[in-house]
Amino acid sequence: MPRYLSQGDWLAPVTEAAPKHEPPPELEAIRRHAEWQAAERDALTESLKPYRRNGPHSFFRDLWRAHLQEEARGRHSVAMRGLNDEGRHDFALDRGDPIENAHHRLKAVWASEARDLSSATATDVLRPSAPGWIADVYGQASRQAGTLAEALERRPLLAGMVDTASGVPVISGIPRLTGGAAVAIQASQNSAVQETDPATASVTYPVGMLAGQVDMSRMLFERSSPSLDEAISRDLGADFGLKLDVQLVNGSGAAGQLRGLLNVSGVLSVTGSVASAAAFQQSVWQAYSAVAGTSGVGANDPQQFLTILHPRRYAWLRGNTTGIAAQALLPGTVVVSAGSPTNLGAGTNEDRAIIIDRTNVILAGGEARFAVYEEVGSSTLTVRVQVSGDASLLVLNPAAVAVVTGLSPPAGF
C-alpha cells in the first residue's frame, strides 16, 4: 500500500523501492564500449575530419548527393531526381541526414565547389586533396606503384603554365642552358676575368592527362558502407601511380603522352654489360661518370642521383650479391619502378637502367582530382567515380640523364 508524507500544502506518494538487479559485468562493458564508440564517432563527425575508415559517412556518396542536388536544380525538378523538399535523398545509410550536412563535410576537406577536389594546394603529387584517410589510402597505393614519381622533385602545375594554342597542351618557354658559364684563376692582379657567356635555349614539354574510372550499380552506391571508399581509392590510386611511372620513363611525347626519360633528345648513353652483377654495377657507374664528367652536367655528388631499375633487374642484382645492399652498390637512391619497359633492343626483351641528376629533372603536376557522375549511366542505374590528373616531365638538361642499354633479360628473373 502507498504511504503519504506531509509536504506542506500538497501530498506526494511514496512507494516501496523495487529491489535492484545489477546487469552482468559483460553487458555493462559492452554498453560502455558502445557509448564510447558513439561519442568518438560524433566527435569525429563534428571535427574537420568527418570521413574516416569505418566511419559513418562516405566521401564519394556525399559527392554524389551534392551532384544530384546540383543536377536537380539545373535540369529537373527535385521530385524527378528522387530528392525530398529539403534536397535530401533518402538513402538507407543517410536517412535523416540533410544535404546541408553533406556540404558541410565536403567543405571541411576542401575550399572549392562540391563536385571536384581542388589540387592547387596539394603538397604530395600522389596524394590528392581528399579527406584524411582516403588521401592516405590513395597515396599509399599510388606510392607503392608509382615509386619514380615519388622520388622526383615535384612542382604544382599552376594556371597559366600550360599553352593550348596549338591544340596540344604543352609547357613552353622553359629556359635551360646548352652551354655553361666558366670560372678560372686570375693570372695576375688586375688581369682579365674569365668570361664565358652561357648558351640558352627554350624548351617545350608536353602535358599528359591520366584518367580512370569505376562504374558501380546505384544500389551498391546507395547501400554500401563507407568502406567502399577504401576499395575505390586503393584500386584507382595503384593504377594511377603505375601508369604515371610508365609515362615518366617511356612516354613518347606524342598522342597525348608525356615525354619520358628514354625519349628525351640529347640524353647520354652507355652500353652496359650483364655478364655478371659486378659487370653491371661497373656499367651503371660508367653512366654516373658520364653525367658527372665533362660530357654531362658536372654534378659529382652521388647522393644527388637516382638509379632507376626494373624490378627484375633489381632482383637479379640482389640475388647475385651477398651481404651488400643495392643502395650501397649503385649511385644515389635506387628506385625500383615497374614503369621501366622490358621490350626494348633488337630482341624486344631488354630493360634499361637510368641514372639521373635529380636536380635537373622535375615532375610538374600529377595531383589527382575526383568526381562522381550519375547521368552517364542513368539508363542502367550506374554511378561513375572518376579520377584524373595532368602532369609533365621537365628535363632541364638532357646531359643530366644517362641510359644504360644492352641489358638482356637475366636468367630466372
Protein backbone atom coordinates (compact mmCIF):
# COMPACT_ATOMS: atom_id res chain seq x y z
CA MET A 1 0.00 0.00 0.00
CA PRO A 2 1.30 3.50 -0.78
CA ARG A 3 2.19 5.74 2.11
CA TYR A 4 1.84 9.51 2.12
CA LEU A 5 4.04 12.06 3.83
CA SER A 6 3.05 15.62 4.54
CA GLN A 7 4.72 18.05 2.03
CA GLY A 8 3.33 21.35 3.22
CA ASP A 9 0.19 22.18 1.24
CA TRP A 10 0.41 19.08 -1.02
CA LEU A 11 0.99 15.36 -0.68
CA ALA A 12 3.47 13.21 -2.64
CA PRO A 13 3.16 9.43 -2.91
CA VAL A 14 6.00 7.28 -1.71
CA THR A 15 6.15 3.68 -2.88
CA GLU A 16 8.23 0.78 -1.79
CA ALA A 17 11.62 0.71 -3.55
CA ALA A 18 11.96 -2.18 -6.01
CA PRO A 19 14.91 -4.46 -5.41
CA LYS A 20 17.96 -3.54 -7.53
CA HIS A 21 19.24 -6.05 -10.10
CA GLU A 22 22.76 -5.23 -11.33
CA PRO A 23 23.42 -6.15 -15.01
CA PRO A 24 26.11 -8.74 -15.68
CA PRO A 25 29.61 -7.20 -15.97
CA GLU A 26 29.89 -8.37 -19.58
CA LEU A 27 26.75 -6.48 -20.63
CA GLU A 28 27.88 -3.37 -18.79
CA ALA A 29 31.25 -3.50 -20.55
CA ILE A 30 29.52 -3.84 -23.94
CA ARG A 31 27.24 -0.89 -23.15
CA ARG A 32 30.15 1.33 -22.14
CA HIS A 33 32.12 0.36 -25.25
CA ALA A 34 29.13 1.18 -27.48
CA GLU A 35 28.73 4.56 -25.78
CA TRP A 36 32.43 5.27 -26.22
CA GLN A 37 32.27 4.38 -29.93
CA ALA A 38 29.22 6.59 -30.42
CA ALA A 39 30.90 9.52 -28.66
CA GLU A 40 34.06 9.06 -30.73
CA ARG A 41 32.05 8.88 -33.96
CA ASP A 42 30.09 12.00 -33.10
CA ALA A 43 33.25 13.88 -32.15
CA LEU A 44 34.98 12.98 -35.41
CA THR A 45 31.89 13.77 -37.44
CA GLU A 46 31.77 17.26 -35.97
CA SER A 47 35.50 17.81 -36.45
CA LEU A 48 37.36 18.76 -39.63
CA LYS A 49 37.86 15.05 -40.37
CA PRO A 50 34.34 13.75 -40.97
CA TYR A 51 35.48 10.92 -43.25
CA ARG A 52 37.41 8.08 -41.68
CA ARG A 53 37.89 4.37 -42.07
CA ASN A 54 34.76 2.55 -40.78
CA GLY A 55 33.19 5.94 -40.04
CA PRO A 56 29.52 6.83 -40.54
CA HIS A 57 29.93 8.86 -43.75
CA SER A 58 31.14 8.09 -47.27
CA PHE A 59 33.09 10.77 -49.11
CA PHE A 60 32.10 9.50 -52.56
CA ARG A 61 28.44 9.19 -51.59
CA ASP A 62 28.46 12.78 -50.30
CA LEU A 63 29.98 13.87 -53.63
CA TRP A 64 27.18 12.03 -55.37
CA ARG A 65 24.47 13.59 -53.19
CA ALA A 66 25.85 17.06 -53.91
CA HIS A 67 25.95 16.20 -57.60
CA LEU A 68 22.34 15.01 -57.54
CA GLN A 69 21.23 18.23 -55.90
CA GLU A 70 23.08 20.33 -58.46
CA GLU A 71 21.60 18.34 -61.34
CA ALA A 72 18.12 18.61 -59.81
CA ARG A 73 18.39 22.38 -59.57
CA GLY A 74 19.86 22.78 -63.04
CA ARG A 75 17.86 20.39 -65.20
CA HIS A 76 14.98 18.67 -63.45
CA SER A 77 12.57 19.12 -60.63
CA VAL A 78 13.60 17.93 -57.22
CA ALA A 79 10.92 15.26 -57.29
CA MET A 80 12.19 13.82 -60.58
CA ARG A 81 15.63 13.30 -59.11
CA GLY A 82 14.33 11.39 -56.09
CA LEU A 83 15.10 14.09 -53.50
CA ASN A 84 12.67 15.40 -50.93
CA ASP A 85 11.80 19.04 -50.35
CA GLU A 86 14.92 19.63 -48.28
CA GLY A 87 17.17 18.32 -51.02
CA ARG A 88 17.87 15.11 -49.14
CA HIS A 89 17.95 11.76 -50.87
CA ASP A 90 16.51 9.05 -48.67
CA PHE A 91 19.45 6.67 -48.81
CA ALA A 92 19.30 3.79 -46.35
CA LEU A 93 22.52 4.89 -44.63
CA ASP A 94 21.80 8.63 -44.84
CA ARG A 95 18.25 8.72 -43.55
CA GLY A 96 17.57 11.92 -41.69
CA ASP A 97 20.85 13.48 -42.81
CA PRO A 98 20.14 16.81 -44.57
CA ILE A 99 22.10 17.66 -47.68
CA GLU A 100 23.49 20.68 -45.81
CA ASN A 101 25.40 18.25 -43.61
CA ALA A 102 26.98 16.64 -46.68
CA HIS A 103 28.02 20.06 -47.98
CA HIS A 104 29.46 20.93 -44.57
CA ARG A 105 31.52 17.73 -44.54
CA LEU A 106 32.78 18.32 -48.06
CA LYS A 107 33.70 21.93 -47.34
CA ALA A 108 35.65 20.76 -44.31
CA VAL A 109 38.16 18.99 -46.56
CA TRP A 110 38.47 21.41 -49.46
CA ALA A 111 37.54 25.01 -50.21
CA SER A 112 36.06 24.54 -53.66
CA GLU A 113 32.80 23.67 -55.38
CA ALA A 114 31.10 20.48 -54.30
CA ARG A 115 31.79 18.42 -57.42
CA ASP A 116 35.56 18.41 -57.71
CA LEU A 117 38.57 18.38 -55.46
CA SER A 118 40.89 21.35 -55.55
CA SER A 119 44.51 20.33 -56.17
CA ALA A 120 46.11 23.77 -56.18
CA THR A 121 47.45 23.38 -52.68
CA ALA A 122 48.39 19.70 -52.79
CA THR A 123 51.86 19.11 -51.39
CA ASP A 124 52.18 15.44 -52.34
CA VAL A 125 51.87 14.67 -56.02
CA LEU A 126 50.47 11.23 -55.26
CA ARG A 127 48.07 12.28 -52.55
CA PRO A 128 45.04 14.16 -53.82
CA SER A 129 43.46 16.88 -51.70
CA ALA A 130 40.94 14.39 -50.45
CA PRO A 131 39.82 13.88 -46.86
CA GLY A 132 42.21 12.35 -44.36
CA TRP A 133 42.23 8.60 -44.61
CA ILE A 134 41.05 8.50 -48.25
CA ALA A 135 44.13 10.53 -49.18
CA ASP A 136 46.23 8.15 -47.11
CA VAL A 137 44.82 5.05 -48.81
CA TYR A 138 45.04 6.57 -52.29
CA GLY A 139 48.52 7.98 -51.68
CA GLN A 140 49.85 4.76 -50.20
CA ALA A 141 48.62 2.72 -53.16
CA SER A 142 50.00 5.28 -55.61
CA ARG A 143 53.42 5.44 -53.98
CA GLN A 144 53.70 1.67 -53.89
CA ALA A 145 53.09 1.50 -57.64
CA GLY A 146 54.46 4.91 -58.65
CA THR A 147 57.87 4.84 -56.98
CA LEU A 148 59.62 7.05 -59.55
CA ALA A 149 57.08 9.85 -59.34
CA GLU A 150 57.52 9.87 -55.58
CA ALA A 151 61.33 10.15 -55.89
CA LEU A 152 61.39 13.12 -58.28
CA GLU A 153 61.27 16.78 -57.32
CA ARG A 154 57.71 17.98 -57.75
CA ARG A 155 56.15 21.30 -58.69
CA PRO A 156 52.47 22.21 -58.95
CA LEU A 157 51.04 22.65 -62.43
CA LEU A 158 49.51 26.08 -61.97
CA ALA A 159 47.07 28.02 -64.10
CA GLY A 160 48.80 29.86 -66.91
CA MET A 161 51.68 27.41 -67.23
CA VAL A 162 50.04 25.32 -69.95
CA ASP A 163 49.80 26.62 -73.53
CA THR A 164 46.95 25.14 -75.59
CA ALA A 165 47.17 27.47 -78.60
CA SER A 166 48.33 24.66 -80.89
CA GLY A 167 45.57 22.32 -79.77
CA VAL A 168 48.11 20.21 -77.85
CA PRO A 169 48.71 21.16 -74.20
CA VAL A 170 52.37 21.97 -73.56
CA ILE A 171 54.53 23.81 -71.07
CA SER A 172 56.56 26.19 -73.21
CA GLY A 173 59.23 28.80 -72.73
CA ILE A 174 61.15 26.95 -70.02
CA PRO A 175 64.77 28.16 -70.32
CA ARG A 176 67.72 25.81 -69.98
CA LEU A 177 71.47 26.06 -70.55
CA THR A 178 73.03 24.33 -73.52
CA GLY A 179 76.48 25.64 -72.64
CA GLY A 180 77.57 26.69 -69.19
CA ALA A 181 79.42 29.65 -67.75
CA ALA A 182 83.02 29.26 -66.62
CA VAL A 183 85.32 30.37 -63.82
CA ALA A 184 89.13 30.49 -63.98
CA ILE A 185 92.00 31.57 -61.78
CA GLN A 186 93.04 35.16 -62.28
CA ALA A 187 96.56 35.01 -63.77
CA SER A 188 97.76 38.17 -62.04
CA GLN A 189 96.41 41.20 -60.26
CA ASN A 190 94.24 43.43 -62.46
CA SER A 191 94.28 40.84 -65.27
CA ALA A 192 91.18 39.90 -67.24
CA VAL A 193 88.49 37.83 -65.55
CA GLN A 194 87.30 34.70 -67.31
CA GLU A 195 84.18 35.42 -69.32
CA THR A 196 82.15 32.60 -70.89
CA ASP A 197 78.57 33.51 -71.60
CA PRO A 198 76.19 30.54 -71.24
CA ALA A 199 74.17 29.47 -74.24
CA THR A 200 70.45 29.18 -73.55
CA ALA A 201 67.50 27.57 -75.25
CA SER A 202 63.76 27.46 -74.70
CA VAL A 203 62.24 24.02 -74.24
CA THR A 204 58.69 22.77 -74.69
CA TYR A 205 57.33 19.87 -72.64
CA PRO A 206 54.08 18.02 -73.45
CA VAL A 207 51.40 17.74 -70.79
CA GLY A 208 49.57 14.44 -70.48
CA MET A 209 46.28 13.65 -68.76
CA LEU A 210 45.91 10.39 -66.86
CA ALA A 211 42.37 9.32 -66.03
CA GLY A 212 40.49 6.27 -64.84
CA GLN A 213 37.01 5.48 -63.69
CA VAL A 214 34.96 2.85 -61.91
CA ASP A 215 31.30 2.12 -62.69
CA MET A 216 29.07 0.69 -59.96
CA SER A 217 25.40 -0.03 -59.64
CA ARG A 218 23.34 2.64 -57.99
CA MET A 219 22.13 0.11 -55.43
CA LEU A 220 25.73 -0.66 -54.43
CA PHE A 221 26.47 3.03 -54.17
CA GLU A 222 23.40 3.74 -52.04
CA ARG A 223 23.52 0.73 -49.74
CA SER A 224 27.21 0.06 -49.20
CA SER A 225 29.08 1.15 -46.10
CA PRO A 226 31.77 3.87 -46.28
CA SER A 227 34.36 1.07 -46.63
CA LEU A 228 33.58 1.24 -50.35
CA ASP A 229 35.64 4.46 -50.36
CA GLU A 230 38.73 2.46 -49.43
CA ALA A 231 38.26 -0.08 -52.23
CA ILE A 232 37.76 2.62 -54.86
CA SER A 233 40.65 4.78 -53.64
CA ARG A 234 43.11 1.90 -53.40
CA ASP A 235 42.25 0.49 -56.83
CA LEU A 236 42.36 3.81 -58.69
CA GLY A 237 45.41 5.02 -56.74
CA ALA A 238 47.54 1.98 -57.54
CA ASP A 239 46.86 2.13 -61.26
CA PHE A 240 47.28 5.91 -61.41
CA GLY A 241 50.73 5.61 -59.80
CA LEU A 242 51.80 2.78 -62.10
CA LYS A 243 50.65 4.47 -65.31
CA LEU A 244 52.31 7.74 -64.28
CA ASP A 245 55.60 5.87 -63.78
CA VAL A 246 55.26 4.31 -67.25
CA GLN A 247 54.85 7.77 -68.74
CA LEU A 248 57.80 9.20 -66.81
CA VAL A 249 60.11 6.52 -68.19
CA ASN A 250 58.73 5.63 -71.60
CA GLY A 251 56.19 8.28 -72.65
CA SER A 252 56.54 9.08 -76.35
CA GLY A 253 55.72 12.79 -76.12
CA ALA A 254 53.04 12.33 -78.80
CA ALA A 255 49.37 11.32 -78.91
CA GLY A 256 48.68 12.89 -75.53
CA GLN A 257 51.60 11.23 -73.72
CA LEU A 258 54.28 12.80 -71.55
CA ARG A 259 57.84 12.76 -72.90
CA GLY A 260 59.56 10.14 -70.78
CA LEU A 261 63.23 9.93 -69.87
CA LEU A 262 64.03 7.40 -72.61
CA ASN A 263 62.65 9.73 -75.29
CA VAL A 264 64.32 12.98 -74.30
CA SER A 265 66.63 14.18 -77.06
CA GLY A 266 70.28 14.53 -76.07
CA VAL A 267 70.44 12.17 -73.08
CA LEU A 268 73.72 10.29 -72.59
CA SER A 269 74.05 6.60 -73.35
CA VAL A 270 76.33 3.84 -72.08
CA THR A 271 76.44 0.28 -73.43
CA GLY A 272 76.05 -1.99 -70.45
CA SER A 273 77.20 -5.48 -69.62
CA VAL A 274 75.23 -8.14 -67.77
CA ALA A 275 77.92 -10.82 -67.85
CA SER A 276 77.86 -10.61 -64.05
CA ALA A 277 76.47 -8.47 -61.29
CA ALA A 278 79.87 -6.80 -60.94
CA ALA A 279 79.97 -6.02 -64.67
CA PHE A 280 76.51 -4.48 -64.48
CA GLN A 281 77.50 -2.34 -61.50
CA GLN A 282 80.51 -1.10 -63.46
CA SER A 283 78.20 -0.13 -66.34
CA VAL A 284 75.99 1.89 -64.02
CA TRP A 285 78.96 3.70 -62.51
CA GLN A 286 80.20 4.48 -66.03
CA ALA A 287 76.84 6.15 -66.65
CA TYR A 288 77.27 8.14 -63.45
CA SER A 289 80.75 9.15 -64.61
CA ALA A 290 79.31 10.34 -67.92
CA VAL A 291 76.77 12.59 -66.17
CA ALA A 292 79.27 13.84 -63.60
CA GLY A 293 82.07 14.37 -66.14
CA THR A 294 82.71 16.87 -68.92
CA SER A 295 80.03 15.43 -71.20
CA GLY A 296 77.36 15.76 -68.52
CA VAL A 297 76.21 18.43 -66.11
CA GLY A 298 79.22 18.08 -63.84
CA ALA A 299 77.27 17.22 -60.69
CA ASN A 300 79.57 14.93 -58.74
CA ASP A 301 77.67 14.18 -55.52
CA PRO A 302 76.40 10.59 -55.92
CA GLN A 303 73.71 11.25 -53.31
CA GLN A 304 72.04 13.69 -55.70
CA PHE A 305 71.47 10.91 -58.23
CA LEU A 306 68.69 8.41 -58.82
CA THR A 307 69.35 4.95 -60.26
CA ILE A 308 66.15 3.60 -61.83
CA LEU A 309 65.84 -0.17 -62.30
CA HIS A 310 63.10 -2.53 -63.39
CA PRO A 311 62.09 -5.00 -60.62
CA ARG A 312 63.60 -7.95 -62.48
CA ARG A 313 66.97 -6.20 -62.83
CA TYR A 314 66.95 -5.23 -59.17
CA ALA A 315 66.05 -8.79 -58.13
CA TRP A 316 68.84 -10.22 -60.29
CA LEU A 317 71.36 -7.80 -58.83
CA ARG A 318 70.35 -8.59 -55.24
CA GLY A 319 70.31 -12.29 -55.96
CA ASN A 320 73.89 -12.16 -57.23
CA THR A 321 75.40 -10.06 -54.47
CA THR A 322 75.94 -11.16 -50.90
CA GLY A 323 75.79 -9.05 -47.77
CA ILE A 324 75.72 -5.68 -49.54
CA ALA A 325 72.57 -3.62 -50.08
CA ALA A 326 71.87 -2.38 -53.59
CA GLN A 327 71.78 1.18 -52.24
CA ALA A 328 75.47 0.84 -51.43
CA LEU A 329 76.33 -0.68 -54.81
CA LEU A 330 74.86 1.97 -57.10
CA PRO A 331 74.83 5.78 -57.33
CA GLY A 332 72.44 7.73 -55.15
CA THR A 333 68.97 6.39 -54.38
CA VAL A 334 67.90 3.19 -56.10
CA VAL A 335 64.33 3.43 -57.40
CA VAL A 336 62.67 0.17 -58.40
CA SER A 337 59.95 1.04 -60.91
CA ALA A 338 57.62 -1.24 -62.83
CA GLY A 339 57.23 1.66 -65.24
CA SER A 340 60.54 0.71 -66.87
CA PRO A 341 59.98 -1.19 -70.13
CA THR A 342 61.24 -4.72 -70.76
CA ASN A 343 60.57 -4.91 -74.51
CA LEU A 344 63.47 -2.88 -75.92
CA GLY A 345 66.51 -3.77 -78.04
CA ALA A 346 66.82 -5.95 -81.12
CA GLY A 347 65.28 -8.90 -79.30
CA THR A 348 62.48 -6.74 -77.84
CA ASN A 349 63.27 -8.19 -74.43
CA GLU A 350 65.76 -5.74 -72.91
CA ASP A 351 65.28 -3.38 -69.99
CA ARG A 352 67.20 -0.19 -69.23
CA ALA A 353 68.95 1.30 -66.23
CA ILE A 354 68.62 5.07 -65.99
CA ILE A 355 70.85 7.36 -63.93
CA ILE A 356 69.74 10.95 -63.42
CA ASP A 357 70.92 14.01 -61.57
CA ARG A 358 67.69 14.71 -59.73
CA THR A 359 68.32 18.47 -59.53
CA ASN A 360 67.71 18.72 -63.28
CA VAL A 361 64.56 16.61 -63.54
CA ILE A 362 61.21 17.91 -62.26
CA LEU A 363 57.72 16.45 -62.27
CA ALA A 364 55.09 19.15 -62.72
CA GLY A 365 51.53 18.32 -61.73
CA GLY A 366 50.27 14.79 -61.24
CA GLU A 367 47.77 15.58 -58.48
CA ALA A 368 44.57 13.58 -58.61
CA ARG A 369 41.07 15.02 -58.83
CA PHE A 370 37.92 13.03 -58.04
CA ALA A 371 34.43 13.43 -59.48
CA VAL A 372 31.21 11.42 -59.30
CA TYR A 373 28.67 11.25 -62.14
CA GLU A 374 25.30 9.59 -62.47
CA GLU A 375 23.87 10.75 -65.79
CA VAL A 376 26.36 8.79 -67.95
CA GLY A 377 24.84 5.51 -66.74
CA SER A 378 21.34 6.62 -65.90
CA SER A 379 19.78 4.15 -68.34
CA THR A 380 21.26 1.25 -66.34
CA LEU A 381 21.25 2.84 -62.86
CA THR A 382 25.04 3.06 -62.91
CA VAL A 383 27.14 5.59 -60.99
CA ARG A 384 30.65 6.51 -62.15
CA VAL A 385 33.57 7.51 -59.92
CA GLN A 386 36.37 9.15 -61.91
CA VAL A 387 39.91 10.21 -61.08
CA SER A 388 42.10 12.35 -63.34
CA GLY A 389 45.33 14.28 -63.17
CA ASP A 390 47.60 16.07 -65.64
CA ALA A 391 51.39 16.00 -65.48
CA SER A 392 54.53 16.96 -67.37
CA LEU A 393 58.14 15.81 -67.01
CA LEU A 394 60.65 18.68 -67.21
CA VAL A 395 64.24 17.67 -68.04
CA LEU A 396 66.12 20.93 -67.69
CA ASN A 397 69.36 19.49 -69.11
CA PRO A 398 69.40 16.23 -71.09
CA ALA A 399 73.03 15.71 -70.07
CA ALA A 400 71.68 15.08 -66.57
CA VAL A 401 70.33 11.73 -67.76
CA ALA A 402 72.33 8.64 -68.78
CA VAL A 403 70.78 5.42 -70.05
CA VAL A 404 72.48 2.03 -69.74
CA THR A 405 71.49 -0.05 -72.79
CA GLY A 406 72.00 -3.67 -73.87
CA LEU A 407 70.54 -5.25 -70.74
CA SER A 408 69.28 -8.62 -71.89
CA PRO A 409 66.86 -10.42 -69.56
CA PRO A 410 68.52 -12.21 -66.65
CA ALA A 411 68.02 -15.94 -66.48
CA GLY A 412 65.48 -16.99 -63.89
CA PHE A 413 64.16 -13.47 -63.23
